[in-house]
Amino acid sequence: MFNIIIFGPPGAGKGTQSSKLLERYELVHLSTGDVFRSNIKGETELGLLAKSYIDKGELVPDEVTIAMVEDFLATRKDAKGFIFDGFPRTISQGEALDKILTKMGTQIDVVLALEVEENELVTRLLERGKVSGRSDDQSEDKIRNRFAEYNGKTEPLLSFYNDKNILRRINGIGNIDEIFGNLCQAVDSLNHPSK
């Protein structure tokens, strides 16, 4: 199994780039946003709980997120690997993911960190909010609150993965294909079975 985490603040392009990486490397896409939306739409207990946090512009608590991710992975044990998009977001989630993957006999191979300046991200998210109708992308205050959450809880993951020597920083400004090329270059420099 070959596993990638795509990392970056809200609006950095994780979803767009994950779709392209998924196709190129034939991996399964795990987007916590998609998992949350599926549970919310299905009105599951975890979905309703997640919605209460998302509507306030807050991150969903670790135990809820981890339970959803573990369930998702358990139903896809035959995958060639995964692209994790939006998970982990905290060190405790990173540690939990390591334990889950160890049980599956695999690990995270590379963390791709998309880096984009905050004001550019606000502009992107407000535009996305107009198109998608997502309530969490229609208020600059909610968006800035998500950045505060991200910086406080998620940013330390850079150090966590840098210490494991699997972090690759990628400039998230430019056109989609240029950014994708830089991501592929980082992945292809590794020795992995999907090459």
Protein backbone atom coordinates (compact mmCIF):
# COMPACT_ATOMS: atom_id res chain seq x y z
CA MET A 1 0.00 0.00 0.00
CA PHE A 2 1.14 3.53 -0.77
CA ASN A 3 -0.39 6.35 1.28
CA ILE A 4 -0.28 10.11 0.73
CA ILE A 5 -1.54 12.91 2.95
CA ILE A 6 -2.32 16.15 1.17
CA PHE A 7 -2.07 18.92 3.68
CA GLY A 8 -2.87 22.62 3.73
CA PRO A 9 -5.25 25.24 5.07
CA PRO A 10 -8.90 25.52 3.92
CA GLY A 11 -9.00 26.64 0.29
CA ALA A 12 -5.42 25.57 -0.54
CA GLY A 13 -6.63 23.21 -3.30
CA LYS A 14 -6.45 19.89 -1.50
CA GLY A 15 -9.67 18.56 -3.05
CA THR A 16 -8.76 19.60 -6.59
CA GLN A 17 -5.26 18.17 -6.39
CA SER A 18 -6.40 15.00 -4.59
CA SER A 19 -8.70 14.18 -7.52
CA LYS A 20 -5.80 14.47 -9.95
CA LEU A 21 -3.42 12.45 -7.73
CA LEU A 22 -6.10 9.80 -7.22
CA GLU A 23 -6.38 9.21 -10.95
CA ARG A 24 -2.63 9.22 -11.60
CA TYR A 25 -1.65 6.83 -8.78
CA GLU A 26 -4.84 4.71 -8.64
CA LEU A 27 -5.40 5.31 -4.94
CA VAL A 28 -8.59 5.64 -2.90
CA HIS A 29 -9.53 9.19 -1.92
CA LEU A 30 -10.41 9.79 1.71
CA SER A 31 -11.76 13.30 2.14
CA THR A 32 -13.09 13.96 5.61
CA GLY A 33 -15.25 16.67 4.07
CA ASP A 34 -16.89 14.07 1.80
CA VAL A 35 -17.19 11.60 4.68
CA PHE A 36 -18.78 14.31 6.84
CA ARG A 37 -21.19 15.40 4.09
CA SER A 38 -22.22 11.79 3.45
CA ASN A 39 -22.92 11.24 7.15
CA ILE A 40 -24.69 14.61 7.43
CA LYS A 41 -26.85 13.89 4.37
CA GLY A 42 -27.65 10.44 5.77
CA GLU A 43 -28.46 12.12 9.10
CA THR A 44 -26.36 9.59 11.01
CA GLU A 45 -25.64 10.29 14.66
CA LEU A 46 -22.01 11.17 13.86
CA GLY A 47 -23.13 13.28 10.91
CA LEU A 48 -25.51 15.41 12.97
CA LEU A 49 -22.84 15.90 15.61
CA ALA A 50 -20.27 16.90 12.96
CA LYS A 51 -22.77 19.36 11.41
CA SER A 52 -23.21 21.20 14.69
CA TYR A 53 -19.47 22.01 14.71
CA ILE A 54 -19.14 22.73 10.97
CA ASP A 55 -22.05 25.21 11.08
CA LYS A 56 -20.14 27.22 13.70
CA GLY A 57 -16.96 27.19 11.59
CA GLU A 58 -15.22 24.86 14.05
CA LEU A 59 -13.29 21.66 13.45
CA VAL A 60 -15.08 18.42 14.24
CA PRO A 61 -13.71 16.76 17.45
CA ASP A 62 -11.03 14.12 16.98
CA GLU A 63 -13.02 11.17 18.32
CA VAL A 64 -15.85 11.76 15.81
CA THR A 65 -13.48 12.23 12.89
CA ILE A 66 -11.31 9.22 13.80
CA ALA A 67 -14.37 6.96 14.10
CA MET A 68 -15.56 7.99 10.62
CA VAL A 69 -12.08 7.51 9.09
CA GLU A 70 -11.51 4.11 10.68
CA ASP A 71 -14.89 2.91 9.38
CA PHE A 72 -14.05 4.20 5.87
CA LEU A 73 -10.66 2.43 5.81
CA ALA A 74 -12.08 -0.83 7.17
CA THR A 75 -14.40 -1.11 4.16
CA ARG A 76 -11.54 -0.65 1.66
CA LYS A 77 -8.81 -3.04 2.81
CA ASP A 78 -7.96 -4.14 -0.75
CA ALA A 79 -7.00 -0.65 -1.94
CA LYS A 80 -3.54 0.00 -3.45
CA GLY A 81 -3.35 2.91 -1.00
CA PHE A 82 -5.04 6.11 0.05
CA ILE A 83 -4.87 9.84 -0.44
CA PHE A 84 -5.87 11.49 2.84
CA ASP A 85 -7.42 14.93 2.22
CA GLY A 86 -8.36 16.95 5.30
CA PHE A 87 -7.21 14.27 7.73
CA PRO A 88 -5.33 14.26 10.00
CA ARG A 89 -5.80 17.80 11.29
CA THR A 90 -4.29 17.42 14.75
CA ILE A 91 -1.32 15.55 16.20
CA SER A 92 -3.68 13.21 18.07
CA GLN A 93 -5.40 12.42 14.74
CA GLY A 94 -1.98 11.82 13.17
CA GLU A 95 -1.05 9.42 15.96
CA ALA A 96 -4.44 7.67 15.67
CA LEU A 97 -3.97 7.32 11.89
CA ASP A 98 -0.51 5.80 12.43
CA LYS A 99 -2.08 3.19 14.76
CA ILE A 100 -4.92 2.41 12.34
CA LEU A 101 -2.51 2.02 9.41
CA THR A 102 -0.07 -0.08 11.46
CA LYS A 103 -2.94 -2.50 12.17
CA MET A 104 -3.49 -2.65 8.40
CA GLY A 105 0.23 -3.34 7.84
CA THR A 106 0.97 -0.01 6.15
CA GLN A 107 2.02 3.59 6.88
CA ILE A 108 2.01 7.16 5.53
CA ASP A 109 4.66 7.42 2.82
CA VAL A 110 4.59 11.16 2.05
CA VAL A 111 2.89 14.33 3.27
CA LEU A 112 2.37 16.97 0.58
CA ALA A 113 1.87 20.40 2.17
CA LEU A 114 0.27 23.00 -0.10
CA GLU A 115 1.33 26.47 1.02
CA VAL A 116 -0.85 29.51 0.18
CA GLU A 117 -0.99 33.01 1.73
CA GLU A 118 -4.07 33.61 3.96
CA ASN A 119 -5.62 36.55 2.07
CA GLU A 120 -5.50 34.54 -1.16
CA LEU A 121 -7.29 31.72 0.65
CA VAL A 122 -10.05 34.05 1.91
CA THR A 123 -10.66 35.23 -1.66
CA ARG A 124 -10.77 31.62 -2.94
CA LEU A 125 -13.17 30.46 -0.22
CA LEU A 126 -15.59 33.36 -0.59
CA GLU A 127 -15.71 32.65 -4.33
CA ARG A 128 -16.25 28.94 -3.66
CA GLY A 129 -19.06 29.86 -1.26
CA LYS A 130 -20.88 31.74 -4.03
CA VAL A 131 -20.67 28.71 -6.34
CA SER A 132 -21.13 25.83 -3.89
CA GLY A 133 -23.62 27.35 -1.48
CA ARG A 134 -21.57 26.01 1.46
CA SER A 135 -22.46 28.10 4.52
CA ASP A 136 -18.94 27.81 5.97
CA ASP A 137 -17.51 29.50 2.83
CA GLN A 138 -19.90 32.49 2.75
CA SER A 139 -18.71 34.44 5.79
CA GLU A 140 -15.25 35.95 6.11
CA ASP A 141 -15.57 35.71 9.92
CA LYS A 142 -16.23 31.95 9.72
CA ILE A 143 -13.38 31.53 7.25
CA ARG A 144 -10.93 33.45 9.48
CA ASN A 145 -12.11 31.36 12.46
CA ARG A 146 -11.25 28.21 10.50
CA PHE A 147 -7.76 29.62 9.85
CA ALA A 148 -7.33 30.31 13.58
CA GLU A 149 -8.38 26.71 14.30
CA TYR A 150 -6.04 25.47 11.58
CA ASN A 151 -3.06 27.47 12.80
CA GLY A 152 -3.59 26.45 16.41
CA LYS A 153 -4.30 22.76 15.92
CA THR A 154 -3.18 21.66 12.47
CA GLU A 155 0.00 23.62 11.83
CA PRO A 156 1.92 21.54 14.45
CA LEU A 157 1.43 18.53 12.17
CA LEU A 158 4.05 20.01 9.87
CA SER A 159 6.64 19.45 12.59
CA PHE A 160 5.20 16.01 13.40
CA TYR A 161 5.67 14.82 9.80
CA ASN A 162 8.87 16.77 9.22
CA ASP A 163 10.40 14.85 12.15
CA LYS A 164 9.49 11.62 10.30
CA ASN A 165 11.23 13.03 7.18
CA ILE A 166 8.14 12.54 4.99
CA LEU A 167 7.00 16.18 4.63
CA ARG A 168 7.30 17.85 1.22
CA ARG A 169 6.34 21.56 0.97
CA ILE A 170 4.65 22.57 -2.31
CA ASN A 171 3.84 26.11 -3.48
CA GLY A 172 0.03 26.22 -3.78
CA ILE A 173 -0.02 29.37 -5.95
CA GLY A 174 -0.18 28.98 -9.72
CA ASN A 175 -2.36 27.15 -12.17
CA ILE A 176 -3.77 23.74 -11.30
CA ASP A 177 -1.52 21.84 -13.72
CA GLU A 178 1.68 23.53 -12.50
CA ILE A 179 0.85 22.71 -8.89
CA PHE A 180 -0.06 19.14 -9.88
CA GLY A 181 3.28 18.75 -11.67
CA ASN A 182 5.12 19.83 -8.53
CA LEU A 183 3.11 17.36 -6.42
CA CYS A 184 3.85 14.50 -8.85
CA GLN A 185 7.54 15.35 -8.86
CA ALA A 186 7.57 15.02 -5.05
CA VAL A 187 5.70 11.68 -5.17
CA ASP A 188 7.72 10.26 -8.07
CA SER A 189 10.98 10.98 -6.24
CA LEU A 190 9.97 8.30 -3.72
CA ASN A 191 10.42 4.60 -4.23
CA HIS A 192 6.89 3.24 -4.17
CA PRO A 193 5.01 0.36 -5.81
CA SER A 194 2.56 2.61 -7.71
CA LYS A 195 5.32 4.02 -9.99
